[in-house]
PDB file of N, CA and C in Angstrom:
ATOM      1  N   MET A   1       7.237-131.472 -17.788  1.00  0.00           N
ATOM      2  CA  MET A   1       6.401-131.677 -16.951  1.00  0.00           C
ATOM      3  C   MET A   1       6.738-132.070 -14.897  1.00  0.00           C
ATOM      4  N   LEU A   2       5.979-131.310 -14.236  1.00  0.00           N
ATOM      5  CA  LEU A   2       6.377-131.632 -12.837  1.00  0.00           C
ATOM      6  C   LEU A   2       5.493-132.857 -12.550  1.00  0.00           C
ATOM      7  N   THR A   3       5.922-134.078 -11.644  1.00  0.00           N
ATOM      8  CA  THR A   3       5.177-134.374 -11.136  1.00  0.00           C
ATOM      9  C   THR A   3       4.238-133.984 -10.060  1.00  0.00           C
ATOM     10  N   ALA A   4       3.503-134.797  -9.681  1.00  0.00           N
ATOM     11  CA  ALA A   4       2.898-134.219  -8.250  1.00  0.00           C
ATOM     12  C   ALA A   4       3.477-134.178  -7.095  1.00  0.00           C
ATOM     13  N   ASP A   5       4.891-135.336  -6.818  1.00  0.00           N
ATOM     14  CA  ASP A   5       5.374-134.951  -5.972  1.00  0.00           C
ATOM     15  C   ASP A   5       6.057-133.833  -5.876  1.00  0.00           C
ATOM     16  N   GLU A   6       6.802-133.412  -6.992  1.00  0.00           N
ATOM     17  CA  GLU A   6       7.882-132.025  -7.020  1.00  0.00           C
ATOM     18  C   GLU A   6       6.744-130.983  -7.197  1.00  0.00           C
ATOM     19  N   LEU A   7       5.350-131.221  -7.524  1.00  0.00           N
ATOM     20  CA  LEU A   7       4.494-129.619  -7.039  1.00  0.00           C
ATOM     21  C   LEU A   7       4.292-129.855  -5.628  1.00  0.00           C
ATOM     22  N   ALA A   8       4.305-130.850  -4.837  1.00  0.00           N
ATOM     23  CA  ALA A   8       3.899-130.830  -3.323  1.00  0.00           C
ATOM     24  C   ALA A   8       5.259-130.184  -2.561  1.00  0.00           C
ATOM     25  N   SER A   9       6.105-130.653  -3.219  1.00  0.00           N
ATOM     26  CA  SER A   9       7.767-130.379  -2.530  1.00  0.00           C
ATOM     27  C   SER A   9       7.988-128.828  -2.610  1.00  0.00           C
ATOM     28  N   MET A  10       7.310-128.026  -3.897  1.00  0.00           N
ATOM     29  CA  MET A  10       7.485-126.629  -3.996  1.00  0.00           C
ATOM     30  C   MET A  10       6.559-126.024  -2.966  1.00  0.00           C
ATOM     31  N   ARG A  11       5.556-126.253  -2.750  1.00  0.00           N
ATOM     32  CA  ARG A  11       4.067-125.800  -1.915  1.00  0.00           C
ATOM     33  C   ARG A  11       5.014-126.136  -0.759  1.00  0.00           C
ATOM     34  N   ASP A  12       5.464-127.048  -0.584  1.00  0.00           N
ATOM     35  CA  ASP A  12       5.880-127.047   0.717  1.00  0.00           C
ATOM     36  C   ASP A  12       6.918-126.300   1.393  1.00  0.00           C
ATOM     37  N   THR A  13       7.998-125.904   0.467  1.00  0.00           N
ATOM     38  CA  THR A  13       8.476-124.936   0.435  1.00  0.00           C
ATOM     39  C   THR A  13       8.514-123.614   0.704  1.00  0.00           C
ATOM     40  N   MET A  14       7.222-123.384  -0.035  1.00  0.00           N
ATOM     41  CA  MET A  14       6.657-121.798   0.166  1.00  0.00           C
ATOM     42  C   MET A  14       5.833-121.777   1.282  1.00  0.00           C
ATOM     43  N   ASN A  15       5.135-122.911   1.559  1.00  0.00           N
ATOM     44  CA  ASN A  15       4.482-122.716   3.033  1.00  0.00           C
ATOM     45  C   ASN A  15       5.312-122.398   3.993  1.00  0.00           C
ATOM     46  N   ASP A  16       6.733-122.924   3.693  1.00  0.00           N
ATOM     47  CA  ASP A  16       7.599-122.698   4.924  1.00  0.00           C
ATOM     48  C   ASP A  16       8.059-121.101   5.230  1.00  0.00           C
ATOM     49  N   SER A  17       7.782-120.333   4.097  1.00  0.00           N
ATOM     50  CA  SER A  17       8.016-118.500   4.061  1.00  0.00           C
ATOM     51  C   SER A  17       7.147-117.908   4.297  1.00  0.00           C
ATOM     52  N   LEU A  18       5.821-118.446   4.905  1.00  0.00           N
ATOM     53  CA  LEU A  18       4.512-117.871   4.897  1.00  0.00           C
ATOM     54  C   LEU A  18       4.748-117.954   6.716  1.00  0.00           C
ATOM     55  N   ALA A  19       5.106-116.353   7.045  1.00  0.00           N
ATOM     56  CA  ALA A  19       5.346-115.905   8.838  1.00  0.00           C
ATOM     57  C   ALA A  19       4.044-115.420   9.574  1.00  0.00           C
ATOM     58  N   GLY A  20       2.828-115.326   8.762  1.00  0.00           N
ATOM     59  CA  GLY A  20       2.208-114.889   9.664  1.00  0.00           C
ATOM     60  C   GLY A  20       0.730-115.507   9.272  1.00  0.00           C
ATOM     61  N   THR A  21      -0.389-115.045  10.221  1.00  0.00           N
ATOM     62  CA  THR A  21      -1.549-115.611  10.050  1.00  0.00           C
ATOM     63  C   THR A  21      -2.457-114.655   9.533  1.00  0.00           C
ATOM     64  N   ALA A  22      -3.553-115.056   8.732  1.00  0.00           N
ATOM     65  CA  ALA A  22      -4.566-114.140   8.321  1.00  0.00           C
ATOM     66  C   ALA A  22      -5.804-115.094   8.337  1.00  0.00           C
ATOM     67  N   VAL A  23      -6.828-114.195   8.788  1.00  0.00           N
ATOM     68  CA  VAL A  23      -8.402-114.778   9.068  1.00  0.00           C
ATOM     69  C   VAL A  23      -9.189-114.310   7.583  1.00  0.00           C
ATOM     70  N   VAL A  24      -9.692-115.474   6.909  1.00  0.00           N
ATOM     71  CA  VAL A  24     -10.623-114.952   5.718  1.00  0.00           C
ATOM     72  C   VAL A  24     -11.839-114.840   6.046  1.00  0.00           C
ATOM     73  N   GLN A  25     -12.604-113.880   5.794  1.00  0.00           N
ATOM     74  CA  GLN A  25     -14.212-113.728   6.662  1.00  0.00           C
ATOM     75  C   GLN A  25     -15.019-113.182   5.213  1.00  0.00           C
ATOM     76  N   THR A  26     -16.031-114.113   5.076  1.00  0.00           N
ATOM     77  CA  THR A  26     -16.838-113.794   3.883  1.00  0.00           C
ATOM     78  C   THR A  26     -18.700-113.357   4.885  1.00  0.00           C
ATOM     79  N   SER A  27     -19.180-112.267   3.685  1.00  0.00           N
ATOM     80  CA  SER A  27     -20.002-111.853   4.563  1.00  0.00           C
ATOM     81  C   SER A  27     -21.479-112.904   4.366  1.00  0.00           C
ATOM     82  N   THR A  28     -22.436-112.635   5.325  1.00  0.00           N
ATOM     83  CA  THR A  28     -23.541-113.414   5.754  1.00  0.00           C
ATOM     84  C   THR A  28     -24.945-112.338   6.262  1.00  0.00           C
ATOM     85  N   TRP A  29     -25.961-112.624   5.626  1.00  0.00           N
ATOM     86  CA  TRP A  29     -27.037-111.695   5.805  1.00  0.00           C
ATOM     87  C   TRP A  29     -27.520-112.570   7.368  1.00  0.00           C
ATOM     88  N   VAL A  30     -28.073-111.583   8.047  1.00  0.00           N
ATOM     89  CA  VAL A  30     -28.623-112.336   9.536  1.00  0.00           C
ATOM     90  C   VAL A  30     -30.181-111.365   9.361  1.00  0.00           C
ATOM     91  N   SER A  31     -31.004-111.859   9.231  1.00  0.00           N
ATOM     92  CA  SER A  31     -32.624-111.675   9.648  1.00  0.00           C
ATOM     93  C   SER A  31     -32.723-110.813  10.979  1.00  0.00           C
ATOM     94  N   ASP A  32     -33.501-109.983  10.543  1.00  0.00           N
ATOM     95  CA  ASP A  32     -33.854-109.369  11.936  1.00  0.00           C
ATOM     96  C   ASP A  32     -35.713-109.565  12.338  1.00  0.00           C
ATOM     97  N   GLY A  33     -35.461-110.529  11.453  1.00  0.00           N
ATOM     98  CA  GLY A  33     -37.007-111.082  11.736  1.00  0.00           C
ATOM     99  C   GLY A  33     -38.318-110.372  11.251  1.00  0.00           C
ATOM    100  N   GLY A  34     -37.981-109.045  10.780  1.00  0.00           N
ATOM    101  CA  GLY A  34     -39.419-108.187  10.379  1.00  0.00           C
ATOM    102  C   GLY A  34     -38.897-107.433   9.080  1.00  0.00           C
ATOM    103  N   GLY A  35     -38.148-108.258   8.329  1.00  0.00           N
ATOM    104  CA  GLY A  35     -38.239-108.072   6.683  1.00  0.00           C
ATOM    105  C   GLY A  35     -36.874-107.099   6.292  1.00  0.00           C
ATOM    106  N   GLY A  36     -36.124-106.884   7.621  1.00  0.00           N
ATOM    107  CA  GLY A  36     -34.668-106.495   7.286  1.00  0.00           C
ATOM    108  C   GLY A  36     -33.894-107.294   7.698  1.00  0.00           C
ATOM    109  N   GLY A  37     -32.621-106.700   8.292  1.00  0.00           N
ATOM    110  CA  GLY A  37     -31.285-107.291   8.453  1.00  0.00           C
ATOM    111  C   GLY A  37     -30.266-106.506   8.431  1.00  0.00           C
ATOM    112  N   THR A  38     -29.061-107.170   8.858  1.00  0.00           N
ATOM    113  CA  THR A  38     -27.809-106.590   8.530  1.00  0.00           C
ATOM    114  C   THR A  38     -26.742-107.495   8.311  1.00  0.00           C
ATOM    115  N   THR A  39     -25.755-107.331   7.475  1.00  0.00           N
ATOM    116  CA  THR A  39     -24.350-107.928   6.991  1.00  0.00           C
ATOM    117  C   THR A  39     -23.311-108.310   8.102  1.00  0.00           C
ATOM    118  N   SER A  40     -23.332-109.552   8.414  1.00  0.00           N
ATOM    119  CA  SER A  40     -22.146-109.603   9.167  1.00  0.00           C
ATOM    120  C   SER A  40     -20.869-110.291   8.651  1.00  0.00           C
ATOM    121  N   TRP A  41     -19.728-110.226   9.406  1.00  0.00           N
ATOM    122  CA  TRP A  41     -18.862-111.252   8.757  1.00  0.00           C
ATOM    123  C   TRP A  41     -18.194-112.131   9.517  1.00  0.00           C
ATOM    124  N   VAL A  42     -18.133-113.227   9.156  1.00  0.00           N
ATOM    125  CA  VAL A  42     -17.861-114.835   9.689  1.00  0.00           C
ATOM    126  C   VAL A  42     -16.671-115.457   8.827  1.00  0.00           C
ATOM    127  N   ALA A  43     -15.904-115.825  10.168  1.00  0.00           N
ATOM    128  CA  ALA A  43     -14.911-116.504   9.894  1.00  0.00           C
ATOM    129  C   ALA A  43     -14.925-117.913   8.923  1.00  0.00           C
ATOM    130  N   ALA A  44     -14.431-117.729   7.707  1.00  0.00           N
ATOM    131  CA  ALA A  44     -14.298-118.843   6.812  1.00  0.00           C
ATOM    132  C   ALA A  44     -12.904-119.973   6.892  1.00  0.00           C
ATOM    133  N   GLY A  45     -11.480-119.118   7.251  1.00  0.00           N
ATOM    134  CA  GLY A  45     -10.700-119.598   7.468  1.00  0.00           C
ATOM    135  C   GLY A  45      -9.434-118.986   7.826  1.00  0.00           C
ATOM    136  N   THR A  46      -8.538-119.703   8.298  1.00  0.00           N
ATOM    137  CA  THR A  46      -7.265-119.209   9.176  1.00  0.00           C
ATOM    138  C   THR A  46      -6.359-120.042   8.163  1.00  0.00           C
ATOM    139  N   TYR A  47      -5.763-118.957   7.897  1.00  0.00           N
ATOM    140  CA  TYR A  47      -4.167-119.229   7.121  1.00  0.00           C
ATOM    141  C   TYR A  47      -2.994-118.633   7.265  1.00  0.00           C
ATOM    142  N   ASP A  48      -1.740-119.467   6.842  1.00  0.00           N
ATOM    143  CA  ASP A  48      -0.878-118.831   6.884  1.00  0.00           C
ATOM    144  C   ASP A  48      -0.478-117.504   6.018  1.00  0.00           C
ATOM    145  N   CYS A  49       0.217-116.979   5.911  1.00  0.00           N
ATOM    146  CA  CYS A  49       0.451-115.846   4.758  1.00  0.00           C
ATOM    147  C   CYS A  49       1.863-115.079   5.034  1.00  0.00           C
ATOM    148  N   ARG A  50       1.651-114.552   4.116  1.00  0.00           N
ATOM    149  CA  ARG A  50       2.898-113.246   3.858  1.00  0.00           C
ATOM    150  C   ARG A  50       2.326-112.165   2.780  1.00  0.00           C
ATOM    151  N   VAL A  51       2.598-111.151   3.296  1.00  0.00           N
ATOM    152  CA  VAL A  51       2.131-109.947   2.978  1.00  0.00           C
ATOM    153  C   VAL A  51       3.149-109.316   2.548  1.00  0.00           C
ATOM    154  N   THR A  52       2.856-108.195   1.153  1.00  0.00           N
ATOM    155  CA  THR A  52       4.119-107.510   0.479  1.00  0.00           C
ATOM    156  C   THR A  52       3.294-106.364   0.342  1.00  0.00           C
ATOM    157  N   PRO A  53       4.017-105.031   0.229  1.00  0.00           N
ATOM    158  CA  PRO A  53       3.354-103.863  -0.175  1.00  0.00           C
ATOM    159  C   PRO A  53       3.363-104.241  -2.044  1.00  0.00           C
ATOM    160  N   ALA A  54       2.191-103.886  -2.896  1.00  0.00           N
ATOM    161  CA  ALA A  54       2.319-103.308  -4.157  1.00  0.00           C
ATOM    162  C   ALA A  54       1.820-102.255  -4.895  1.00  0.00           C
ATOM    163  N   GLY A  55       2.411-101.272  -3.651  1.00  0.00           N
ATOM    164  CA  GLY A  55       2.402-100.050  -4.390  1.00  0.00           C
ATOM    165  C   GLY A  55       1.535 -99.340  -4.021  1.00  0.00           C
ATOM    166  N   GLY A  56       1.200 -97.994  -4.505  1.00  0.00           N
ATOM    167  CA  GLY A  56       0.072 -97.066  -4.089  1.00  0.00           C
ATOM    168  C   GLY A  56      -0.396 -96.404  -4.777  1.00  0.00           C
ATOM    169  N   PHE A  57      -1.667 -95.751  -4.749  1.00  0.00           N
ATOM    170  CA  PHE A  57      -1.842 -94.745  -5.415  1.00  0.00           C
ATOM    171  C   PHE A  57      -3.038 -93.918  -4.864  1.00  0.00           C
ATOM    172  N   GLU A  58      -3.515 -92.674  -5.684  1.00  0.00           N
ATOM    173  CA  GLU A  58      -4.108 -91.638  -4.771  1.00  0.00           C
ATOM    174  C   GLU A  58      -5.378 -91.375  -5.470  1.00  0.00           C
ATOM    175  N   GLN A  59      -6.469 -91.234  -4.838  1.00  0.00           N
ATOM    176  CA  GLN A  59      -7.977 -90.531  -5.493  1.00  0.00           C
ATOM    177  C   GLN A  59      -7.945 -89.484  -4.501  1.00  0.00           C
ATOM    178  N   ASP A  60      -9.118 -88.948  -5.337  1.00  0.00           N
ATOM    179  CA  ASP A  60      -9.863 -87.430  -4.774  1.00  0.00           C
ATOM    180  C   ASP A  60     -10.852 -87.817  -4.009  1.00  0.00           C
ATOM    181  N   GLN A  61     -11.213 -87.323  -2.543  1.00  0.00           N
ATOM    182  CA  GLN A  61     -11.802 -87.549  -1.996  1.00  0.00           C
ATOM    183  C   GLN A  61     -12.268 -86.325  -0.987  1.00  0.00           C
ATOM    184  N   GLY A  62     -13.792 -85.531  -1.185  1.00  0.00           N
ATOM    185  CA  GLY A  62     -14.009 -84.433  -0.635  1.00  0.00           C
ATOM    186  C   GLY A  62     -12.847 -83.443  -0.960  1.00  0.00           C
ATOM    187  N   ASP A  63     -12.167 -83.228  -1.838  1.00  0.00           N
ATOM    188  CA  ASP A  63     -11.508 -81.910  -2.499  1.00  0.00           C
ATOM    189  C   ASP A  63     -10.077 -82.608  -2.058  1.00  0.00           C
ATOM    190  N   ARG A  64      -9.825 -83.401  -1.463  1.00  0.00           N
ATOM    191  CA  ARG A  64      -8.623 -83.654  -1.191  1.00  0.00           C
ATOM    192  C   ARG A  64      -8.104 -85.104  -1.417  1.00  0.00           C
ATOM    193  N   VAL A  65      -6.485 -85.361  -1.670  1.00  0.00           N
ATOM    194  CA  VAL A  65      -6.253 -86.297  -2.310  1.00  0.00           C
ATOM    195  C   VAL A  65      -5.810 -87.659  -0.634  1.00  0.00           C
ATOM    196  N   GLN A  66      -6.334 -88.621  -1.207  1.00  0.00           N
ATOM    197  CA  GLN A  66      -6.233 -89.533  -0.395  1.00  0.00           C
ATOM    198  C   GLN A  66      -4.962 -90.959  -0.770  1.00  0.00           C
ATOM    199  N   PRO A  67      -4.351 -90.764   0.093  1.00  0.00           N
ATOM    200  CA  PRO A  67      -3.387 -92.039  -0.395  1.00  0.00           C
ATOM    201  C   PRO A  67      -4.250 -93.475  -0.181  1.00  0.00           C
ATOM    202  N   GLU A  68      -4.300 -94.297  -1.298  1.00  0.00           N
ATOM    203  CA  GLU A  68      -4.625 -95.631  -0.810  1.00  0.00           C
ATOM    204  C   GLU A  68      -3.010 -96.291  -1.124  1.00  0.00           C
ATOM    205  N   THR A  69      -3.290 -97.373  -0.477  1.00  0.00           N
ATOM    206  CA  THR A  69      -2.229 -98.507  -0.150  1.00  0.00           C
ATOM    207  C   THR A  69      -2.864 -99.930  -0.573  1.00  0.00           C
ATOM    208  N   GLU A  70      -2.332-100.398  -1.426  1.00  0.00           N
ATOM    209  CA  GLU A  70      -2.235-102.004  -1.964  1.00  0.00           C
ATOM    210  C   GLU A  70      -1.260-102.813  -1.429  1.00  0.00           C
ATOM    211  N   TYR A  71      -1.538-104.035  -1.416  1.00  0.00           N
ATOM    212  CA  TYR A  71      -1.267-105.097  -0.782  1.00  0.00           C
ATOM    213  C   TYR A  71      -1.474-106.283  -1.268  1.00  0.00           C
ATOM    214  N   ILE A  72      -0.135-107.388  -1.616  1.00  0.00           N
ATOM    215  CA  ILE A  72      -0.549-108.688  -1.819  1.00  0.00           C
ATOM    216  C   ILE A  72      -0.122-109.780  -0.495  1.00  0.00           C
ATOM    217  N   PHE A  73      -1.316-110.520  -0.563  1.00  0.00           N
ATOM    218  CA  PHE A  73      -1.009-111.629   0.687  1.00  0.00           C
ATOM    219  C   PHE A  73      -1.118-112.765  -0.134  1.00  0.00           C
ATOM    220  N   THR A  74       0.008-113.464   0.147  1.00  0.00           N
ATOM    221  CA  THR A  74       0.303-114.815  -0.371  1.00  0.00           C
ATOM    222  C   THR A  74      -0.089-116.211   0.150  1.00  0.00           C
ATOM    223  N   LEU A  75      -0.659-116.814   0.124  1.00  0.00           N
ATOM    224  CA  LEU A  75      -1.647-117.809   0.592  1.00  0.00           C
ATOM    225  C   LEU A  75      -1.235-119.111   0.158  1.00  0.00           C
ATOM    226  N   PRO A  76      -2.000-120.464   0.974  1.00  0.00           N
ATOM    227  CA  PRO A  76      -0.990-121.434   0.557  1.00  0.00           C
ATOM    228  C   PRO A  76      -1.915-121.832  -1.009  1.00  0.00           C
ATOM    229  N   ALA A  77      -1.168-122.702  -1.720  1.00  0.00           N
ATOM    230  CA  ALA A  77      -1.849-122.984  -3.235  1.00  0.00           C
ATOM    231  C   ALA A  77      -3.708-123.301  -2.516  1.00  0.00           C
ATOM    232  N   LEU A  78      -4.279-123.071  -3.466  1.00  0.00           N
ATOM    233  CA  LEU A  78      -5.564-123.718  -3.726  1.00  0.00           C
ATOM    234  C   LEU A  78      -6.399-123.143  -2.127  1.00  0.00           C
ATOM    235  N   THR A  79      -6.036-122.226  -1.749  1.00  0.00           N
ATOM    236  CA  THR A  79      -6.349-121.669  -0.685  1.00  0.00           C
ATOM    237  C   THR A  79      -8.433-120.902  -1.340  1.00  0.00           C
ATOM    238  N   THR A  80      -9.429-121.300  -0.710  1.00  0.00           N
ATOM    239  CA  THR A  80     -10.869-120.703  -1.226  1.00  0.00           C
ATOM    240  C   THR A  80     -10.669-119.502  -0.528  1.00  0.00           C
ATOM    241  N   ILE A  81     -10.779-118.592  -1.733  1.00  0.00           N
ATOM    242  CA  ILE A  81     -11.284-117.276  -1.256  1.00  0.00           C
ATOM    243  C   ILE A  81     -11.446-116.379  -2.285  1.00  0.00           C
ATOM    244  N   ASP A  82     -12.750-115.375  -2.635  1.00  0.00           N
ATOM    245  CA  ASP A  82     -13.261-115.120  -3.653  1.00  0.00           C
ATOM    246  C   ASP A  82     -13.366-113.343  -3.048  1.00  0.00           C
ATOM    247  N   GLU A  83     -13.705-112.306  -4.403  1.00  0.00           N
ATOM    248  CA  GLU A  83     -13.376-110.682  -4.394  1.00  0.00           C
ATOM    249  C   GLU A  83     -14.701-110.610  -3.807  1.00  0.00           C
ATOM    250  N   ASP A  84     -15.287-111.189  -2.746  1.00  0.00           N
ATOM    251  CA  ASP A  84     -16.185-110.828  -1.734  1.00  0.00           C
ATOM    252  C   ASP A  84     -15.686-110.745  -0.352  1.00  0.00           C
ATOM    253  N   ALA A  85     -14.720-111.358  -0.403  1.00  0.00           N
ATOM    254  CA  ALA A  85     -14.191-111.540   1.078  1.00  0.00           C
ATOM    255  C   ALA A  85     -13.272-110.371   1.560  1.00  0.00           C
ATOM    256  N   GLN A  86     -13.256-110.316   2.704  1.00  0.00           N
ATOM    257  CA  GLN A  86     -12.266-109.567   3.457  1.00  0.00           C
ATOM    258  C   GLN A  86     -11.041-110.240   4.354  1.00  0.00           C
ATOM    259  N   ILE A  87     -10.100-109.614   4.050  1.00  0.00           N
ATOM    260  CA  ILE A  87      -8.788-110.795   5.093  1.00  0.00           C
ATOM    261  C   ILE A  87      -8.597-109.844   6.435  1.00  0.00           C
ATOM    262  N   VAL A  88      -8.619-110.399   7.798  1.00  0.00           N
ATOM    263  CA  VAL A  88      -8.441-109.884   9.249  1.00  0.00           C
ATOM    264  C   VAL A  88      -6.552-109.989   9.163  1.00  0.00           C
ATOM    265  N   TYR A  89      -5.844-109.250   9.383  1.00  0.00           N
ATOM    266  CA  TYR A  89      -4.676-109.539   9.583  1.00  0.00           C
ATOM    267  C   TYR A  89      -3.526-108.410  10.449  1.00  0.00           C
ATOM    268  N   GLY A  90      -2.988-108.636  11.574  1.00  0.00           N
ATOM    269  CA  GLY A  90      -2.191-107.710  12.237  1.00  0.00           C
ATOM    270  C   GLY A  90      -2.890-106.692  12.310  1.00  0.00           C
ATOM    271  N   GLY A  91      -4.232-106.945  12.730  1.00  0.00           N
ATOM    272  CA  GLY A  91      -4.496-105.675  13.664  1.00  0.00           C
ATOM    273  C   GLY A  91      -5.681-104.950  12.559  1.00  0.00           C
ATOM    274  N   GLY A  92      -5.392-105.250  11.381  1.00  0.00           N
ATOM    275  CA  GLY A  92      -6.282-104.560  10.177  1.00  0.00           C
ATOM    276  C   GLY A  92      -7.506-105.245   9.384  1.00  0.00           C
ATOM    277  N   THR A  93      -8.168-104.469   8.566  1.00  0.00           N
ATOM    278  CA  THR A  93      -8.897-105.427   7.983  1.00  0.00           C
ATOM    279  C   THR A  93      -8.805-104.989   6.750  1.00  0.00           C
ATOM    280  N   TYR A  94      -8.492-106.097   5.162  1.00  0.00           N
ATOM    281  CA  TYR A  94      -8.586-105.621   4.291  1.00  0.00           C
ATOM    282  C   TYR A  94      -9.299-106.073   3.557  1.00  0.00           C
ATOM    283  N   ASP A  95     -10.077-105.667   2.296  1.00  0.00           N
ATOM    284  CA  ASP A  95     -10.936-105.750   1.015  1.00  0.00           C
ATOM    285  C   ASP A  95     -10.067-106.561  -0.208  1.00  0.00           C
ATOM    286  N   VAL A  96     -10.483-107.684  -0.251  1.00  0.00           N
ATOM    287  CA  VAL A  96     -10.018-108.362  -1.489  1.00  0.00           C
ATOM    288  C   VAL A  96     -10.579-107.310  -2.952  1.00  0.00           C
ATOM    289  N   ILE A  97      -9.668-107.054  -3.885  1.00  0.00           N
ATOM    290  CA  ILE A  97      -9.810-106.313  -4.663  1.00  0.00           C
ATOM    291  C   ILE A  97      -9.824-107.159  -6.345  1.00  0.00           C
ATOM    292  N   ALA A  98      -8.787-108.307  -6.209  1.00  0.00           N
ATOM    293  CA  ALA A  98      -8.368-109.079  -7.166  1.00  0.00           C
ATOM    294  C   ALA A  98      -7.826-110.422  -6.830  1.00  0.00           C
ATOM    295  N   ILE A  99      -8.329-111.592  -7.587  1.00  0.00           N
ATOM    296  CA  ILE A  99      -7.446-112.776  -7.422  1.00  0.00           C
ATOM    297  C   ILE A  99      -7.079-112.888  -8.317  1.00  0.00           C
ATOM    298  N   PRO A 100      -5.702-112.747  -8.934  1.00  0.00           N
ATOM    299  CA  PRO A 100      -5.098-113.348 -10.412  1.00  0.00           C
ATOM    300  C   PRO A 100      -5.137-115.117 -10.551  1.00  0.00           C
ATOM    301  N   SER A 101      -5.743-114.541 -11.925  1.00  0.00           N
ATOM    302  CA  SER A 101      -6.270-116.392 -12.039  1.00  0.00           C
ATOM    303  C   SER A 101      -5.630-117.554 -11.768  1.00  0.00           C
ATOM    304  N   PRO A 102      -5.441-118.660 -11.737  1.00  0.00           N
ATOM    305  CA  PRO A 102      -4.182-119.417 -11.180  1.00  0.00           C
ATOM    306  C   PRO A 102      -3.442-119.513 -12.439  1.00  0.00           C
ATOM    307  N   ARG A 103      -2.128-119.887 -11.674  1.00  0.00           N
ATOM    308  CA  ARG A 103      -1.136-120.602 -12.752  1.00  0.00           C
ATOM    309  C   ARG A 103      -0.902-121.629 -13.546  1.00  0.00           C
ATOM    310  N   THR A 104      -0.340-122.435 -14.203  1.00  0.00           N
ATOM    311  CA  THR A 104      -0.554-123.837 -14.668  1.00  0.00           C
ATOM    312  C   THR A 104      -0.217-124.877 -13.305  1.00  0.00           C
ATOM    313  N   PHE A 105       0.796-124.276 -12.668  1.00  0.00           N
ATOM    314  CA  PHE A 105       1.122-125.080 -11.570  1.00  0.00           C
ATOM    315  C   PHE A 105       1.234-123.925 -10.083  1.00  0.00           C
ATOM    316  N   GLU A 106       0.099-124.199 -10.002  1.00  0.00           N
ATOM    317  CA  GLU A 106      -0.240-122.956  -8.270  1.00  0.00           C
ATOM    318  C   GLU A 106       0.527-123.238  -7.286  1.00  0.00           C
ATOM    319  N   VAL A 107       1.885-122.597  -7.223  1.00  0.00           N
ATOM    320  CA  VAL A 107       2.724-122.839  -6.187  1.00  0.00           C
ATOM    321  C   VAL A 107       1.947-122.427  -4.496  1.00  0.00           C
ATOM    322  N   SER A 108       1.251-121.113  -4.767  1.00  0.00           N
ATOM    323  CA  SER A 108       0.612-120.136  -3.820  1.00  0.00           C
ATOM    324  C   SER A 108      -0.361-119.559  -4.410  1.00  0.00           C
ATOM    325  N   ARG A 109      -1.351-119.129  -3.712  1.00  0.00           N
ATOM    326  CA  ARG A 109      -2.546-118.444  -4.273  1.00  0.00           C
ATOM    327  C   ARG A 109      -2.343-116.698  -3.560  1.00  0.00           C
ATOM    328  N   ARG A 110      -2.582-115.570  -4.884  1.00  0.00           N
ATOM    329  CA  ARG A 110      -2.199-114.502  -4.457  1.00  0.00           C
ATOM    330  C   ARG A 110      -3.255-113.699  -4.134  1.00  0.00           C
ATOM    331  N   VAL A 111      -3.441-112.630  -3.402  1.00  0.00           N
ATOM    332  CA  VAL A 111      -4.448-111.882  -3.244  1.00  0.00           C
ATOM    333  C   VAL A 111      -4.441-110.552  -3.154  1.00  0.00           C
ATOM    334  N   GLN A 112      -5.326-109.512  -4.216  1.00  0.00           N
ATOM    335  CA  GLN A 112      -4.767-107.984  -4.133  1.00  0.00           C
ATOM    336  C   GLN A 112      -5.545-107.711  -3.602  1.00  0.00           C
ATOM    337  N   VAL A 113      -5.609-106.578  -2.273  1.00  0.00           N
ATOM    338  CA  VAL A 113      -6.078-106.337  -0.931  1.00  0.00           C
ATOM    339  C   VAL A 113      -5.746-104.434  -1.244  1.00  0.00           C
ATOM    340  N   LYS A 114      -6.843-103.699  -0.298  1.00  0.00           N
ATOM    341  CA  LYS A 114      -6.617-102.561  -0.015  1.00  0.00           C
ATOM    342  C   LYS A 114      -7.174-102.475   1.245  1.00  0.00           C
ATOM    343  N   VAL A 115      -6.852-101.498   2.093  1.00  0.00           N
ATOM    344  CA  VAL A 115      -7.311-101.334   3.230  1.00  0.00           C
ATOM    345  C   VAL A 115      -8.403-100.785   3.406  1.00  0.00           C
ATOM    346  N   ARG A 116      -9.316-101.538   4.102  1.00  0.00           N
ATOM    347  CA  ARG A 116     -10.814-101.478   4.620  1.00  0.00           C
ATOM    348  C   ARG A 116     -10.951 -99.314   5.615  1.00  0.00           C
ATOM    349  N   LYS A 117     -11.736 -99.234   4.953  1.00  0.00           N
ATOM    350  CA  LYS A 117     -11.606 -97.693   5.829  1.00  0.00           C
ATOM    351  C   LYS A 117     -12.744 -97.478   6.712  1.00  0.00           C
TER     352      LYS A 117
END
């Protein structure tokens, strides 16, 4: 069994490998005062991160095959993020599509995303 100090040390070591910075955004509804409104994105936090390609797949769109590329963002352990969020990183915007269940000893938070079109 890991002690709290050992887990903290593992998290610190992992955090040292996070070379990038990601902004996690959540959506919010802004009323127009007349019964309608728009959805806008608001920064919920800025985190160190690492990005890795997760492979790709193709989908049919308008009788053409469109490549889709997925990525895995590695964020610090216990980062608050949900599947309704988006991540802004390196000039691109990514939709969160899956957040694997936390492991017994969470050393990092991994998030599967795809490029927003």
